[in-house]
Amino acid sequence: MDTKTLNRWWRIAGGLSMNLALGAVYAWSIFVRPLEQEFGWKRADVSTVFTVLVFVFGLTFVLGGRMQDKLGPTKVSLIGAGLNSLGFFMAGYTTSIAWMIFWLGVVAATGQGFGYSTPIPVMSKWFPDRRGLAVGLAVAGYGGGSAIFGPLGGNWLIPTYGWRNTFFIFGVIFLVMGLIATWLLQNPPAGYKPEGWQPSAAAKAAATKYEFLPSEAVKTPTMWFMWVAYALGTAAGLMVISQLVPFARQQGHSIEIATTAIFVGAIGSASGRILSGWMSDGLGRLNVLRLMIGVSALSMFLLFHVGASVAMLYLMVFVIYWCYGTQLSVNASTSADFWGTKNVGANYGILFTAWGVAGIIGPRIGGQLYDKFGNYEYAFYVAGVLSIVALVFEFIARRPTEPVGAPVQAKA
């Protein structure tokens, strides 16, 4: 591998390091029972922490993306790594829901929004030839983070050192990983393209020739059709993610089996981000999104009824996480294709606010319906319906056209 090629792949390593640290938040459910047991909190109360975290993450991603477009990825990555680490560390001192919401749901979540806003634009610019695959590889870390930190925390750190020390340890680890990522995440020179690469006819058709400003992107109907599909499709996935360990325990499984389900799901999410990203390079972004949201809808209706079997629990969790991960990866690549790479941080940030709204809907569905009925059956049914509605909006979405009378632009 020559130096120039290696230089490109180092950027993916930076994106992976950042997203592995950020993605540990998907292992949140390992803390649910310890917090309930120590403080006597209800399931819906504990779910509020994750709800606020996802919502703030989605909002601050917009600001981080805009700053990244203006200032470059290094400064924004550093802010993100620092705040994420600080939030997790301070969560170890929790004495109330309000404390946990502030440090994890606001401070760490702001760090998540800033940190996550940098790898996607960097990958989009370094890999115009394999954008779907490259973005998928970089954001796979966010899906795969819980594969490492879920079992590490749930099976070893919490039982051995307690949940407080687990937060402290996570905070230190995340700082180191974030600093490594900050060093590696850099933009290519303006106008960069891989040596000897010429866009194929399919690639030319996929990529817009116009660089949409955020003010122009929000005026395209495509943005809002995709926004609704993104919000509802990921809300269903977040319902499962936020309640996975307690759901598995209610199905009669041991804590080891329940925690291993996080690992299985994380592998599914990472696989979906990578392989669905790769598939979208050839099959088309919207086609892959439609396929995976449809599979997710079916899986939501099935999981509650087959989850008592270890094999079926793992299989359905893998599939649901795969479909969820697909949306995080392919929507990002679609944003670069549809609205251009110059302002992709801000434009995808606008679309990504849908995920923040999903963070309100998904965990609350799980927590409140569990408290009302004493099980998760209706939560899964509601998640399935949300996925179906998401699929309808994904079918309505079409490639945006450039504004009427738009001036001719030089490509970024």
Protein backbone atom coordinates (compact mmCIF):
# COMPACT_ATOMS: atom_id res chain seq x y z
CA MET A 1 0.00 0.00 0.00
CA ASP A 2 1.53 3.33 -1.08
CA THR A 3 1.84 6.34 1.22
CA LYS A 4 -1.06 8.26 -0.34
CA THR A 5 -3.42 5.32 0.02
CA LEU A 6 -2.27 4.70 3.57
CA ASN A 7 -2.89 8.38 4.33
CA ARG A 8 -6.53 7.95 3.36
CA TRP A 9 -7.02 4.88 5.51
CA TRP A 10 -5.51 6.59 8.53
CA ARG A 11 -8.54 8.92 8.41
CA ILE A 12 -10.83 5.92 8.75
CA ALA A 13 -8.78 4.80 11.75
CA GLY A 14 -9.37 8.23 13.29
CA GLY A 15 -13.10 8.01 12.64
CA LEU A 16 -13.22 4.54 14.19
CA SER A 17 -11.36 5.65 17.31
CA MET A 18 -13.68 8.61 17.83
CA ASN A 19 -16.85 6.63 17.22
CA LEU A 20 -15.84 3.65 19.35
CA ALA A 21 -15.55 6.04 22.31
CA LEU A 22 -18.82 7.78 21.47
CA GLY A 23 -20.71 4.58 20.69
CA ALA A 24 -20.29 3.20 24.20
CA VAL A 25 -23.46 5.14 24.99
CA TYR A 26 -25.38 2.30 23.30
CA ALA A 27 -24.35 0.16 26.28
CA TRP A 28 -26.42 2.48 28.49
CA SER A 29 -28.80 -0.33 29.46
CA ILE A 30 -26.06 -1.98 31.60
CA PHE A 31 -26.54 0.89 34.07
CA VAL A 32 -30.36 0.71 34.21
CA ARG A 33 -30.78 -1.93 36.92
CA PRO A 34 -27.88 -0.77 39.15
CA LEU A 35 -29.34 2.75 39.18
CA GLU A 36 -32.87 1.50 39.86
CA GLN A 37 -31.64 -0.71 42.70
CA GLU A 38 -29.58 2.01 44.37
CA PHE A 39 -31.99 4.93 44.04
CA GLY A 40 -35.39 3.26 43.61
CA TRP A 41 -36.01 5.06 40.31
CA LYS A 42 -38.71 3.87 37.92
CA ARG A 43 -37.90 2.54 34.46
CA ALA A 44 -39.39 5.61 32.75
CA ASP A 45 -37.29 7.90 34.98
CA VAL A 46 -34.05 6.13 34.11
CA SER A 47 -35.02 6.10 30.42
CA THR A 48 -35.24 9.90 30.57
CA VAL A 49 -31.45 10.11 30.84
CA PHE A 50 -30.98 8.30 27.54
CA THR A 51 -33.82 10.29 25.99
CA VAL A 52 -32.23 13.63 26.85
CA LEU A 53 -28.80 12.41 25.76
CA VAL A 54 -29.98 11.43 22.29
CA PHE A 55 -32.00 14.63 21.87
CA VAL A 56 -29.10 16.91 22.88
CA PHE A 57 -26.72 14.85 20.74
CA GLY A 58 -28.94 15.42 17.71
CA LEU A 59 -29.18 19.17 18.30
CA THR A 60 -25.49 19.77 19.01
CA PHE A 61 -24.54 17.75 15.94
CA VAL A 62 -25.95 20.62 13.85
CA LEU A 63 -23.72 23.16 15.59
CA GLY A 64 -20.72 20.84 15.48
CA GLY A 65 -21.28 20.14 11.80
CA ARG A 66 -21.46 23.83 10.97
CA MET A 67 -18.30 24.55 12.98
CA GLN A 68 -16.57 21.65 11.24
CA ASP A 69 -17.44 23.09 7.83
CA LYS A 70 -15.97 26.46 8.87
CA LEU A 71 -13.05 25.55 11.18
CA GLY A 72 -12.11 22.04 10.08
CA PRO A 73 -12.35 18.81 12.05
CA THR A 74 -9.42 19.08 14.49
CA LYS A 75 -10.77 21.75 16.86
CA VAL A 76 -14.28 20.33 16.83
CA SER A 77 -13.00 16.80 17.51
CA LEU A 78 -10.99 18.03 20.48
CA ILE A 79 -14.03 19.75 22.02
CA GLY A 80 -16.13 16.65 21.44
CA ALA A 81 -13.61 14.26 22.98
CA GLY A 82 -13.14 16.44 26.05
CA LEU A 83 -16.82 16.96 26.80
CA ASN A 84 -17.75 13.32 26.22
CA SER A 85 -15.03 12.16 28.60
CA LEU A 86 -15.89 14.76 31.25
CA GLY A 87 -19.59 13.89 31.16
CA PHE A 88 -19.02 10.18 31.69
CA PHE A 89 -16.48 10.79 34.46
CA MET A 90 -18.76 13.15 36.39
CA ALA A 91 -21.71 10.75 36.02
CA GLY A 92 -19.87 8.55 38.52
CA TYR A 93 -20.73 11.09 41.24
CA THR A 94 -24.47 10.81 40.59
CA THR A 95 -26.87 11.36 43.50
CA SER A 96 -29.99 12.33 41.54
CA ILE A 97 -31.66 12.03 38.16
CA ALA A 98 -30.97 15.74 37.59
CA TRP A 99 -27.21 15.21 38.09
CA MET A 100 -27.18 12.29 35.66
CA ILE A 101 -29.22 14.19 33.10
CA PHE A 102 -26.88 17.18 33.23
CA TRP A 103 -23.53 15.39 33.02
CA LEU A 104 -24.51 12.50 30.76
CA GLY A 105 -27.55 13.90 28.98
CA VAL A 106 -26.16 17.41 28.36
CA VAL A 107 -22.36 17.58 28.77
CA ALA A 108 -21.44 14.15 27.38
CA ALA A 109 -24.18 14.44 24.75
CA THR A 110 -22.76 17.77 23.54
CA GLY A 111 -19.39 16.08 23.25
CA GLN A 112 -21.06 13.31 21.30
CA GLY A 113 -22.65 15.76 18.90
CA PHE A 114 -19.36 17.59 18.26
CA GLY A 115 -17.29 14.41 18.06
CA TYR A 116 -19.67 12.60 15.71
CA SER A 117 -19.91 15.61 13.39
CA THR A 118 -16.29 15.28 12.21
CA PRO A 119 -15.67 11.76 10.78
CA ILE A 120 -18.55 11.81 8.27
CA PRO A 121 -17.48 14.98 6.38
CA VAL A 122 -13.83 13.89 6.51
CA MET A 123 -14.65 10.47 5.01
CA SER A 124 -16.93 12.00 2.37
CA LYS A 125 -14.07 14.22 1.14
CA TRP A 126 -11.28 11.63 1.29
CA PHE A 127 -13.30 8.85 -0.42
CA PRO A 128 -15.42 10.22 -3.29
CA ASP A 129 -14.79 6.88 -5.02
CA ARG A 130 -16.16 4.70 -2.17
CA ARG A 131 -18.16 7.12 -0.08
CA GLY A 132 -20.75 4.68 1.21
CA LEU A 133 -18.16 2.13 2.31
CA ALA A 134 -15.81 4.70 3.85
CA VAL A 135 -18.52 6.48 5.82
CA GLY A 136 -19.84 3.09 6.88
CA LEU A 137 -16.43 1.99 8.14
CA ALA A 138 -15.94 5.21 10.10
CA VAL A 139 -19.35 5.21 11.76
CA ALA A 140 -19.18 1.45 12.39
CA GLY A 141 -17.24 2.37 15.49
CA TYR A 142 -20.32 4.09 16.89
CA GLY A 143 -22.31 0.91 16.44
CA GLY A 144 -19.44 -1.29 17.59
CA GLY A 145 -18.52 0.70 20.70
CA SER A 146 -21.12 -1.12 22.75
CA ALA A 147 -19.68 -4.46 21.59
CA ILE A 148 -16.58 -3.60 23.60
CA PHE A 149 -17.88 -1.47 26.44
CA GLY A 150 -21.17 -3.31 27.02
CA PRO A 151 -19.63 -6.65 28.03
CA LEU A 152 -16.61 -4.90 29.59
CA GLY A 153 -18.87 -2.82 31.82
CA GLY A 154 -21.75 -5.23 32.37
CA ASN A 155 -19.81 -8.47 32.86
CA TRP A 156 -16.69 -7.22 34.63
CA LEU A 157 -16.42 -3.57 35.68
CA ILE A 158 -19.84 -3.09 37.32
CA PRO A 159 -19.86 -6.47 39.16
CA THR A 160 -16.23 -5.98 40.26
CA TYR A 161 -15.87 -2.24 40.88
CA GLY A 162 -19.43 -0.90 40.89
CA TRP A 163 -21.28 1.36 38.50
CA ARG A 164 -19.65 4.56 39.78
CA ASN A 165 -16.10 3.40 39.11
CA THR A 166 -17.24 2.09 35.74
CA PHE A 167 -18.23 5.63 34.75
CA PHE A 168 -14.83 6.92 35.97
CA ILE A 169 -12.94 4.28 33.99
CA PHE A 170 -14.99 4.90 30.86
CA GLY A 171 -14.31 8.64 31.10
CA VAL A 172 -10.54 8.14 31.13
CA ILE A 173 -10.60 5.61 28.28
CA PHE A 174 -12.78 7.86 26.14
CA LEU A 175 -10.42 10.80 26.57
CA VAL A 176 -7.44 8.81 25.30
CA MET A 177 -9.37 7.45 22.32
CA GLY A 178 -10.75 10.89 21.47
CA LEU A 179 -7.31 12.51 21.49
CA ILE A 180 -5.99 9.84 19.10
CA ALA A 181 -8.93 10.52 16.80
CA THR A 182 -8.37 14.29 16.95
CA TRP A 183 -4.82 13.82 15.70
CA LEU A 184 -5.90 11.66 12.77
CA LEU A 185 -9.03 13.46 11.55
CA GLN A 186 -7.89 16.00 8.96
CA ASN A 187 -9.45 17.22 5.71
CA PRO A 188 -7.79 16.56 2.34
CA PRO A 189 -6.61 19.47 0.18
CA ALA A 190 -9.38 21.39 -1.57
CA GLY A 191 -10.52 19.66 -4.74
CA TYR A 192 -8.92 16.37 -3.74
CA LYS A 193 -9.61 13.17 -5.63
CA PRO A 194 -7.74 9.83 -5.51
CA GLU A 195 -4.86 9.59 -7.96
CA GLY A 196 -5.97 8.12 -11.26
CA TRP A 197 -9.63 7.99 -10.26
CA GLN A 198 -12.29 9.16 -12.66
CA PRO A 199 -15.96 9.04 -11.63
CA SER A 200 -17.95 6.32 -13.37
CA ALA A 201 -21.23 7.12 -15.07
CA ALA A 202 -23.06 5.75 -12.01
CA ALA A 203 -20.96 7.83 -9.63
CA LYS A 204 -21.59 10.98 -11.67
CA ALA A 205 -25.31 10.27 -11.58
CA ALA A 206 -25.21 9.70 -7.81
CA ALA A 207 -23.41 12.90 -6.86
CA THR A 208 -24.91 16.37 -7.12
CA LYS A 209 -23.10 18.98 -9.18
CA TYR A 210 -24.47 21.73 -6.95
CA GLU A 211 -23.28 22.50 -3.40
CA PHE A 212 -26.44 23.29 -1.46
CA LEU A 213 -26.22 25.84 1.31
CA PRO A 214 -28.05 24.74 4.48
CA SER A 215 -30.68 27.42 3.78
CA GLU A 216 -31.27 25.82 0.37
CA ALA A 217 -31.18 22.21 1.56
CA VAL A 218 -33.99 22.78 4.06
CA LYS A 219 -36.23 24.05 1.26
CA THR A 220 -36.06 20.76 -0.64
CA PRO A 221 -38.99 18.38 0.04
CA THR A 222 -36.49 15.52 0.08
CA MET A 223 -34.95 16.81 3.29
CA TRP A 224 -38.24 16.57 5.15
CA PHE A 225 -39.42 13.26 3.70
CA MET A 226 -36.09 11.75 4.69
CA TRP A 227 -36.23 13.54 8.05
CA VAL A 228 -39.53 11.90 9.00
CA ALA A 229 -38.33 8.49 7.80
CA TYR A 230 -35.08 8.90 9.75
CA ALA A 231 -36.85 10.00 12.94
CA LEU A 232 -39.42 7.21 12.99
CA GLY A 233 -37.12 4.46 11.72
CA THR A 234 -34.42 5.13 14.30
CA ALA A 235 -36.98 5.70 17.09
CA ALA A 236 -37.94 2.06 16.71
CA GLY A 237 -34.31 0.98 16.95
CA LEU A 238 -33.63 3.22 19.95
CA MET A 239 -36.58 1.71 21.79
CA VAL A 240 -34.88 -1.68 21.59
CA ILE A 241 -31.40 -0.33 22.32
CA SER A 242 -32.47 1.59 25.42
CA GLN A 243 -34.38 -1.37 26.89
CA LEU A 244 -32.42 -4.38 25.64
CA VAL A 245 -30.93 -5.68 28.89
CA PRO A 246 -34.13 -5.29 30.98
CA PHE A 247 -36.17 -6.81 28.13
CA ALA A 248 -33.86 -9.83 27.92
CA ARG A 249 -33.99 -10.26 31.70
CA GLN A 250 -37.78 -10.18 31.64
CA GLN A 251 -37.70 -12.93 29.03
CA GLY A 252 -35.98 -15.08 31.65
CA HIS A 253 -32.38 -14.74 30.51
CA SER A 254 -29.38 -14.33 32.82
CA ILE A 255 -27.43 -11.09 33.04
CA GLU A 256 -24.62 -12.72 31.05
CA ILE A 257 -26.98 -13.61 28.20
CA ALA A 258 -28.63 -10.19 28.36
CA THR A 259 -25.29 -8.38 28.28
CA THR A 260 -24.05 -10.58 25.46
CA ALA A 261 -27.11 -9.44 23.50
CA ILE A 262 -25.56 -5.96 23.54
CA PHE A 263 -22.43 -7.43 21.96
CA VAL A 264 -24.49 -9.25 19.31
CA GLY A 265 -26.46 -6.09 18.58
CA ALA A 266 -23.31 -4.00 18.33
CA ILE A 267 -21.85 -6.41 15.79
CA GLY A 268 -25.11 -6.17 13.85
CA SER A 269 -25.07 -2.38 13.96
CA ALA A 270 -21.44 -2.16 12.87
CA SER A 271 -22.07 -4.70 10.09
CA GLY A 272 -25.07 -2.75 8.88
CA ARG A 273 -23.12 0.49 8.78
CA ILE A 274 -20.29 -1.06 6.78
CA LEU A 275 -22.03 -3.55 4.49
CA SER A 276 -25.16 -1.51 3.86
CA GLY A 277 -22.89 1.44 3.08
CA TRP A 278 -21.01 -0.72 0.61
CA MET A 279 -24.28 -2.03 -0.86
CA SER A 280 -25.59 1.51 -1.28
CA ASP A 281 -22.60 2.38 -3.51
CA GLY A 282 -23.96 -0.11 -6.05
CA LEU A 283 -27.68 -0.48 -5.38
CA GLY A 284 -28.49 3.14 -4.56
CA ARG A 285 -28.85 4.88 -1.20
CA LEU A 286 -32.64 5.09 -1.06
CA ASN A 287 -33.11 1.51 -2.22
CA VAL A 288 -30.98 0.19 0.63
CA LEU A 289 -32.71 2.42 3.19
CA ARG A 290 -36.12 1.20 2.03
CA LEU A 291 -35.10 -2.43 2.20
CA MET A 292 -33.66 -2.24 5.70
CA ILE A 293 -36.50 -0.19 7.18
CA GLY A 294 -38.93 -2.79 5.83
CA VAL A 295 -36.95 -5.61 7.44
CA SER A 296 -36.84 -3.62 10.69
CA ALA A 297 -40.62 -3.26 10.74
CA LEU A 298 -41.11 -7.01 10.44
CA SER A 299 -38.47 -7.72 13.08
CA MET A 300 -40.13 -5.42 15.63
CA PHE A 301 -43.33 -7.45 15.49
CA LEU A 302 -41.41 -10.71 15.90
CA LEU A 303 -38.87 -10.05 18.64
CA PHE A 304 -41.22 -9.93 21.63
CA HIS A 305 -42.73 -13.31 20.70
CA VAL A 306 -39.48 -15.17 20.02
CA GLY A 307 -37.18 -13.46 22.54
CA ALA A 308 -37.47 -16.23 25.15
CA SER A 309 -35.19 -18.34 22.94
CA VAL A 310 -31.53 -17.38 23.25
CA ALA A 311 -30.84 -18.15 19.60
CA MET A 312 -33.84 -16.16 18.37
CA LEU A 313 -33.12 -13.29 20.75
CA TYR A 314 -29.61 -12.97 19.35
CA LEU A 315 -30.75 -13.37 15.74
CA MET A 316 -33.51 -10.76 15.93
CA VAL A 317 -31.37 -8.32 17.90
CA PHE A 318 -28.64 -8.67 15.27
CA VAL A 319 -31.14 -7.94 12.48
CA ILE A 320 -32.76 -4.96 14.24
CA TYR A 321 -29.39 -3.40 15.06
CA TRP A 322 -28.23 -4.01 11.47
CA CYS A 323 -31.25 -2.12 10.12
CA TYR A 324 -30.75 0.65 12.67
CA GLY A 325 -27.05 0.99 11.82
CA THR A 326 -27.89 1.15 8.12
CA GLN A 327 -29.88 4.33 8.68
CA LEU A 328 -27.00 6.05 10.52
CA SER A 329 -24.55 5.17 7.76
CA VAL A 330 -26.52 5.46 4.53
CA ASN A 331 -28.35 8.66 5.44
CA ALA A 332 -24.96 10.30 5.96
CA SER A 333 -23.70 9.20 2.53
CA THR A 334 -27.00 10.22 0.96
CA SER A 335 -26.61 13.73 2.36
CA ALA A 336 -23.24 14.12 0.66
CA ASP A 337 -24.64 12.78 -2.62
CA PHE A 338 -27.84 14.81 -2.57
CA TRP A 339 -26.67 18.17 -1.18
CA GLY A 340 -22.89 18.14 -1.82
CA THR A 341 -19.76 17.68 0.31
CA LYS A 342 -18.84 21.34 0.91
CA ASN A 343 -21.55 21.87 3.54
CA VAL A 344 -22.22 18.24 4.41
CA GLY A 345 -21.49 18.83 8.09
CA ALA A 346 -24.32 21.34 8.40
CA ASN A 347 -26.69 19.72 5.90
CA TYR A 348 -26.40 16.28 7.42
CA GLY A 349 -26.62 17.96 10.80
CA ILE A 350 -30.08 19.24 9.89
CA LEU A 351 -31.16 15.78 8.79
CA PHE A 352 -29.56 14.27 11.89
CA THR A 353 -31.84 16.26 14.19
CA ALA A 354 -34.33 13.54 13.30
CA TRP A 355 -32.22 11.16 15.36
CA GLY A 356 -32.42 13.59 18.26
CA VAL A 357 -36.22 13.51 18.07
CA ALA A 358 -36.05 9.72 17.83
CA GLY A 359 -34.21 9.82 21.14
CA ILE A 360 -37.32 11.31 22.72
CA ILE A 361 -39.76 8.92 21.08
CA GLY A 362 -37.97 5.56 21.27
CA PRO A 363 -36.83 5.27 24.90
CA ARG A 364 -40.08 6.82 26.19
CA ILE A 365 -42.11 4.25 24.30
CA GLY A 366 -40.16 1.47 25.98
CA GLY A 367 -40.09 2.95 29.49
CA GLN A 368 -43.67 4.23 29.71
CA LEU A 369 -45.39 1.24 28.09
CA TYR A 370 -43.38 -1.09 30.34
CA ASP A 371 -44.48 0.82 33.43
CA LYS A 372 -48.11 0.74 32.24
CA PHE A 373 -48.40 -2.90 31.18
CA GLY A 374 -45.54 -4.60 33.01
CA ASN A 375 -43.99 -5.93 29.78
CA TYR A 376 -42.69 -4.74 26.42
CA GLU A 377 -45.30 -6.25 24.07
CA TYR A 378 -47.04 -3.01 23.14
CA ALA A 379 -43.73 -1.17 22.92
CA PHE A 380 -42.62 -3.53 20.15
CA TYR A 381 -45.96 -3.18 18.34
CA VAL A 382 -45.71 0.62 18.39
CA ALA A 383 -42.10 0.42 17.16
CA GLY A 384 -43.23 -1.78 14.28
CA VAL A 385 -45.91 0.74 13.25
CA LEU A 386 -43.38 3.59 13.39
CA SER A 387 -41.11 1.61 11.05
CA ILE A 388 -43.95 1.11 8.57
CA VAL A 389 -44.70 4.84 8.49
CA ALA A 390 -40.97 5.52 8.06
CA LEU A 391 -40.94 3.18 5.07
CA VAL A 392 -43.79 5.10 3.42
CA PHE A 393 -41.91 8.40 3.70
CA GLU A 394 -38.69 6.79 2.42
CA PHE A 395 -40.56 5.70 -0.70
CA ILE A 396 -41.85 9.25 -1.25
CA ALA A 397 -38.32 10.74 -1.07
CA ARG A 398 -36.59 11.62 -4.37
CA ARG A 399 -33.26 13.19 -5.32
CA PRO A 400 -33.48 16.99 -4.88
CA THR A 401 -33.05 19.32 -7.82
CA GLU A 402 -30.84 22.37 -7.62
CA PRO A 403 -32.56 25.72 -6.96
CA VAL A 404 -34.01 27.52 -9.96
CA GLY A 405 -31.58 30.12 -11.25
CA ALA A 406 -28.74 28.77 -9.09
CA PRO A 407 -25.32 30.12 -10.16
CA VAL A 408 -22.64 27.84 -11.59
CA GLN A 409 -20.30 26.73 -8.79
CA ALA A 410 -16.77 25.47 -8.55
CA LYS A 411 -16.71 22.09 -6.84
CA ALA A 412 -15.25 21.97 -3.32
